[in-house]
């Protein structure tokens, strides 16, 4: 049994921080982002050798947390609207199916494929969430869930389950997140330039 922090714990923390940072600003939101960023930084020091991308994500999240301390909630709400707009097809849409779907059938297939991936691991979106399964925050939350499952499997000493979780993460990123995160990040950085969330697209 291995209960020391590992790369999967750091991955889970980064995905959780991304989910929080992408959320609509509400009272307490800035503090939650700061706590998530602090957790990432703590794990980065505990895990040891990690890919440079993890360090870059941690640095970006810390910078965002610092800027948010100097940003009013009203300003954060305004910037959120500038980045995402007020409709599904906003300036920086956070929905996978809005990127590259050439027909209604292709659009529906992308959403259905994401939902099927979730169901394969017993994950079903709550109707109360009122969100599509292809929203970036939902996809990041699913990857957070898989990384947490990997950590628990490592702690229990079940290498087969560890590999299952790792394989699922690789496949989901390859089939979904990697297909559109680049386009999203480019739009995000253009829309967020000079704002509190600038750089978040590069943390993906």
Protein backbone atom coordinates (compact mmCIF):
# COMPACT_ATOMS: atom_id res chain seq x y z
CA UNK A 1 0.00 0.00 0.00
CA UNK A 2 1.40 3.40 -1.05
CA UNK A 3 -0.23 6.44 0.59
CA UNK A 4 2.43 9.00 -0.38
CA UNK A 5 1.30 11.65 -2.91
CA UNK A 6 1.85 10.63 -6.51
CA UNK A 7 1.44 12.14 -10.00
CA UNK A 8 -2.23 11.12 -10.08
CA UNK A 9 -2.89 13.22 -6.96
CA UNK A 10 -1.28 16.21 -8.65
CA UNK A 11 -3.23 15.61 -11.86
CA UNK A 12 -6.45 15.42 -9.86
CA UNK A 13 -5.63 18.68 -8.07
CA UNK A 14 -4.86 20.49 -11.34
CA UNK A 15 -8.13 19.34 -12.92
CA UNK A 16 -10.05 20.38 -9.80
CA UNK A 17 -8.42 23.83 -9.94
CA UNK A 18 -9.34 24.19 -13.62
CA UNK A 19 -12.96 23.25 -12.87
CA UNK A 20 -13.09 25.91 -10.15
CA UNK A 21 -11.44 28.60 -12.26
CA UNK A 22 -13.88 27.98 -15.13
CA UNK A 23 -16.92 28.34 -12.87
CA UNK A 24 -19.16 31.39 -12.90
CA UNK A 25 -17.90 33.84 -10.24
CA UNK A 26 -20.01 33.82 -7.08
CA UNK A 27 -19.30 34.94 -3.49
CA UNK A 28 -16.45 32.75 -2.22
CA UNK A 29 -15.30 31.77 -5.72
CA UNK A 30 -12.01 33.68 -5.57
CA UNK A 31 -11.14 31.99 -2.28
CA UNK A 32 -11.95 28.56 -3.69
CA UNK A 33 -9.69 29.17 -6.69
CA UNK A 34 -6.90 30.28 -4.34
CA UNK A 35 -7.27 27.15 -2.19
CA UNK A 36 -7.16 24.91 -5.24
CA UNK A 37 -4.06 26.67 -6.53
CA UNK A 38 -2.41 26.30 -3.11
CA UNK A 39 -3.22 22.58 -3.08
CA UNK A 40 -1.58 22.16 -6.48
CA UNK A 41 1.55 23.96 -5.29
CA UNK A 42 1.75 21.82 -2.13
CA UNK A 43 1.43 18.59 -4.09
CA UNK A 44 3.99 19.76 -6.62
CA UNK A 45 6.55 19.95 -3.82
CA UNK A 46 5.51 16.61 -2.35
CA UNK A 47 5.47 14.55 -5.55
CA UNK A 48 9.00 15.37 -6.72
CA UNK A 49 9.88 14.76 -10.36
CA UNK A 50 6.94 15.75 -12.58
CA UNK A 51 6.50 16.83 -16.21
CA UNK A 52 7.26 20.49 -16.90
CA UNK A 53 3.66 21.00 -17.98
CA UNK A 54 2.53 20.35 -14.40
CA UNK A 55 4.90 23.02 -13.10
CA UNK A 56 3.67 25.48 -15.71
CA UNK A 57 0.05 24.79 -14.76
CA UNK A 58 0.87 25.33 -11.07
CA UNK A 59 2.60 28.63 -11.84
CA UNK A 60 -0.33 29.86 -13.95
CA UNK A 61 -2.88 28.91 -11.30
CA UNK A 62 -0.90 30.75 -8.61
CA UNK A 63 -0.70 33.86 -10.79
CA UNK A 64 -4.45 33.74 -11.39
CA UNK A 65 -5.13 33.36 -7.66
CA UNK A 66 -2.95 36.40 -6.93
CA UNK A 67 -4.71 38.51 -9.56
CA UNK A 68 -8.11 37.46 -8.25
CA UNK A 69 -7.21 38.84 -4.81
CA UNK A 70 -7.04 42.27 -6.46
CA UNK A 71 -10.17 41.74 -8.56
CA UNK A 72 -13.64 42.56 -7.28
CA UNK A 73 -16.41 40.02 -7.69
CA UNK A 74 -18.24 42.48 -9.95
CA UNK A 75 -15.18 42.76 -12.18
CA UNK A 76 -14.73 38.97 -12.24
CA UNK A 77 -18.34 38.53 -13.38
CA UNK A 78 -17.79 41.13 -16.10
CA UNK A 79 -14.63 39.40 -17.34
CA UNK A 80 -16.40 36.03 -17.34
CA UNK A 81 -19.04 37.50 -19.64
CA UNK A 82 -16.40 38.98 -21.94
CA UNK A 83 -14.68 35.61 -22.26
CA UNK A 84 -17.63 33.25 -22.57
CA UNK A 85 -20.44 35.52 -23.70
CA UNK A 86 -24.03 34.85 -22.79
CA UNK A 87 -24.90 32.08 -25.24
CA UNK A 88 -23.59 28.62 -26.15
CA UNK A 89 -21.88 30.01 -29.25
CA UNK A 90 -20.11 32.81 -27.38
CA UNK A 91 -16.68 34.24 -28.28
CA UNK A 92 -14.93 31.43 -26.40
CA UNK A 93 -17.42 28.60 -26.22
CA UNK A 94 -16.46 25.93 -23.63
CA UNK A 95 -18.36 23.14 -25.43
CA UNK A 96 -16.45 20.47 -27.35
CA UNK A 97 -19.16 19.85 -29.95
CA UNK A 98 -19.02 23.50 -31.03
CA UNK A 99 -15.52 22.87 -32.36
CA UNK A 100 -15.40 21.09 -35.70
CA UNK A 101 -18.88 19.54 -35.84
CA UNK A 102 -19.88 19.80 -39.50
CA UNK A 103 -23.45 18.58 -39.24
CA UNK A 104 -26.21 18.02 -36.71
CA UNK A 105 -25.41 14.31 -36.77
CA UNK A 106 -21.72 14.97 -36.04
CA UNK A 107 -22.70 17.41 -33.29
CA UNK A 108 -25.01 14.88 -31.63
CA UNK A 109 -22.44 12.08 -31.99
CA UNK A 110 -19.76 14.07 -30.17
CA UNK A 111 -22.04 14.78 -27.22
CA UNK A 112 -23.29 11.19 -27.10
CA UNK A 113 -19.74 9.81 -27.22
CA UNK A 114 -18.66 11.96 -24.27
CA UNK A 115 -21.72 10.89 -22.26
CA UNK A 116 -21.06 7.22 -23.10
CA UNK A 117 -17.51 7.56 -21.79
CA UNK A 118 -18.90 8.89 -18.51
CA UNK A 119 -21.46 6.10 -18.21
CA UNK A 120 -18.77 3.47 -18.72
CA UNK A 121 -17.38 4.58 -15.35
CA UNK A 122 -20.74 4.97 -13.66
CA UNK A 123 -20.84 8.74 -14.04
CA UNK A 124 -24.15 10.37 -14.98
CA UNK A 125 -24.72 14.12 -15.00
CA UNK A 126 -27.28 15.28 -12.50
CA UNK A 127 -30.29 16.98 -14.13
CA UNK A 128 -29.83 19.70 -11.52
CA UNK A 129 -26.46 20.54 -13.10
CA UNK A 130 -28.28 21.81 -16.20
CA UNK A 131 -25.10 21.40 -18.21
CA UNK A 132 -24.06 19.55 -21.35
CA UNK A 133 -21.60 16.67 -20.96
CA UNK A 134 -19.18 18.26 -23.44
CA UNK A 135 -18.62 21.41 -21.33
CA UNK A 136 -14.91 21.85 -20.60
CA UNK A 137 -15.45 22.00 -16.84
CA UNK A 138 -17.44 18.75 -16.94
CA UNK A 139 -14.73 17.02 -18.98
CA UNK A 140 -12.07 18.26 -16.53
CA UNK A 141 -14.18 17.07 -13.60
CA UNK A 142 -14.40 13.62 -15.18
CA UNK A 143 -10.61 13.52 -15.56
CA UNK A 144 -10.34 14.62 -11.92
CA UNK A 145 -12.61 11.70 -10.99
CA UNK A 146 -10.45 9.23 -12.95
CA UNK A 147 -7.23 10.58 -11.44
CA UNK A 148 -8.73 10.21 -7.95
CA UNK A 149 -9.73 6.62 -8.76
CA UNK A 150 -6.16 5.97 -9.90
CA UNK A 151 -4.82 7.35 -6.61
CA UNK A 152 -7.16 5.19 -4.55
CA UNK A 153 -6.21 2.11 -6.58
CA UNK A 154 -2.51 2.85 -6.01
CA UNK A 155 -3.12 3.23 -2.28
CA UNK A 156 -4.93 -0.13 -2.20
CA UNK A 157 -2.14 -1.81 -4.14
CA UNK A 158 -4.26 -2.86 -7.15
CA UNK A 159 -2.04 -2.27 -10.21
CA UNK A 160 -4.67 -3.56 -12.65
CA UNK A 161 -7.11 -0.86 -11.55
CA UNK A 162 -4.35 1.74 -11.65
CA UNK A 163 -3.64 0.86 -15.28
CA UNK A 164 -7.36 0.85 -16.15
CA UNK A 165 -7.69 4.41 -14.82
CA UNK A 166 -4.54 5.59 -16.58
CA UNK A 167 -5.65 4.06 -19.86
CA UNK A 168 -9.07 5.69 -19.54
CA UNK A 169 -7.50 9.10 -18.93
CA UNK A 170 -5.20 8.75 -21.93
CA UNK A 171 -8.06 7.64 -24.18
CA UNK A 172 -10.41 10.39 -23.03
CA UNK A 173 -7.80 13.08 -23.54
CA UNK A 174 -6.85 11.66 -26.95
CA UNK A 175 -10.43 11.24 -28.16
CA UNK A 176 -11.89 14.40 -26.68
CA UNK A 177 -9.95 17.06 -24.78
CA UNK A 178 -6.90 17.07 -27.07
CA UNK A 179 -9.12 17.47 -30.13
CA UNK A 180 -10.35 20.92 -29.18
CA UNK A 181 -8.41 22.26 -26.18
CA UNK A 182 -5.93 24.02 -28.47
CA UNK A 183 -8.67 25.94 -30.27
CA UNK A 184 -10.35 26.77 -27.00
CA UNK A 185 -7.09 27.95 -25.41
CA UNK A 186 -6.36 30.29 -28.32
CA UNK A 187 -9.81 31.88 -28.12
CA UNK A 188 -9.61 32.03 -24.34
CA UNK A 189 -6.29 33.85 -24.26
CA UNK A 190 -7.50 36.38 -26.82
CA UNK A 191 -10.67 37.08 -24.85
CA UNK A 192 -8.99 37.03 -21.41
CA UNK A 193 -5.99 39.21 -22.33
CA UNK A 194 -5.18 41.58 -19.50
CA UNK A 195 -7.78 40.01 -17.20
CA UNK A 196 -7.55 38.01 -14.00
CA UNK A 197 -7.90 34.65 -15.78
CA UNK A 198 -5.27 35.33 -18.45
CA UNK A 199 -3.09 32.26 -18.94
CA UNK A 200 -5.69 29.71 -17.89
CA UNK A 201 -5.93 28.37 -21.44
CA UNK A 202 -2.23 27.47 -21.34
CA UNK A 203 -2.78 25.40 -18.18
CA UNK A 204 -4.91 22.84 -20.02
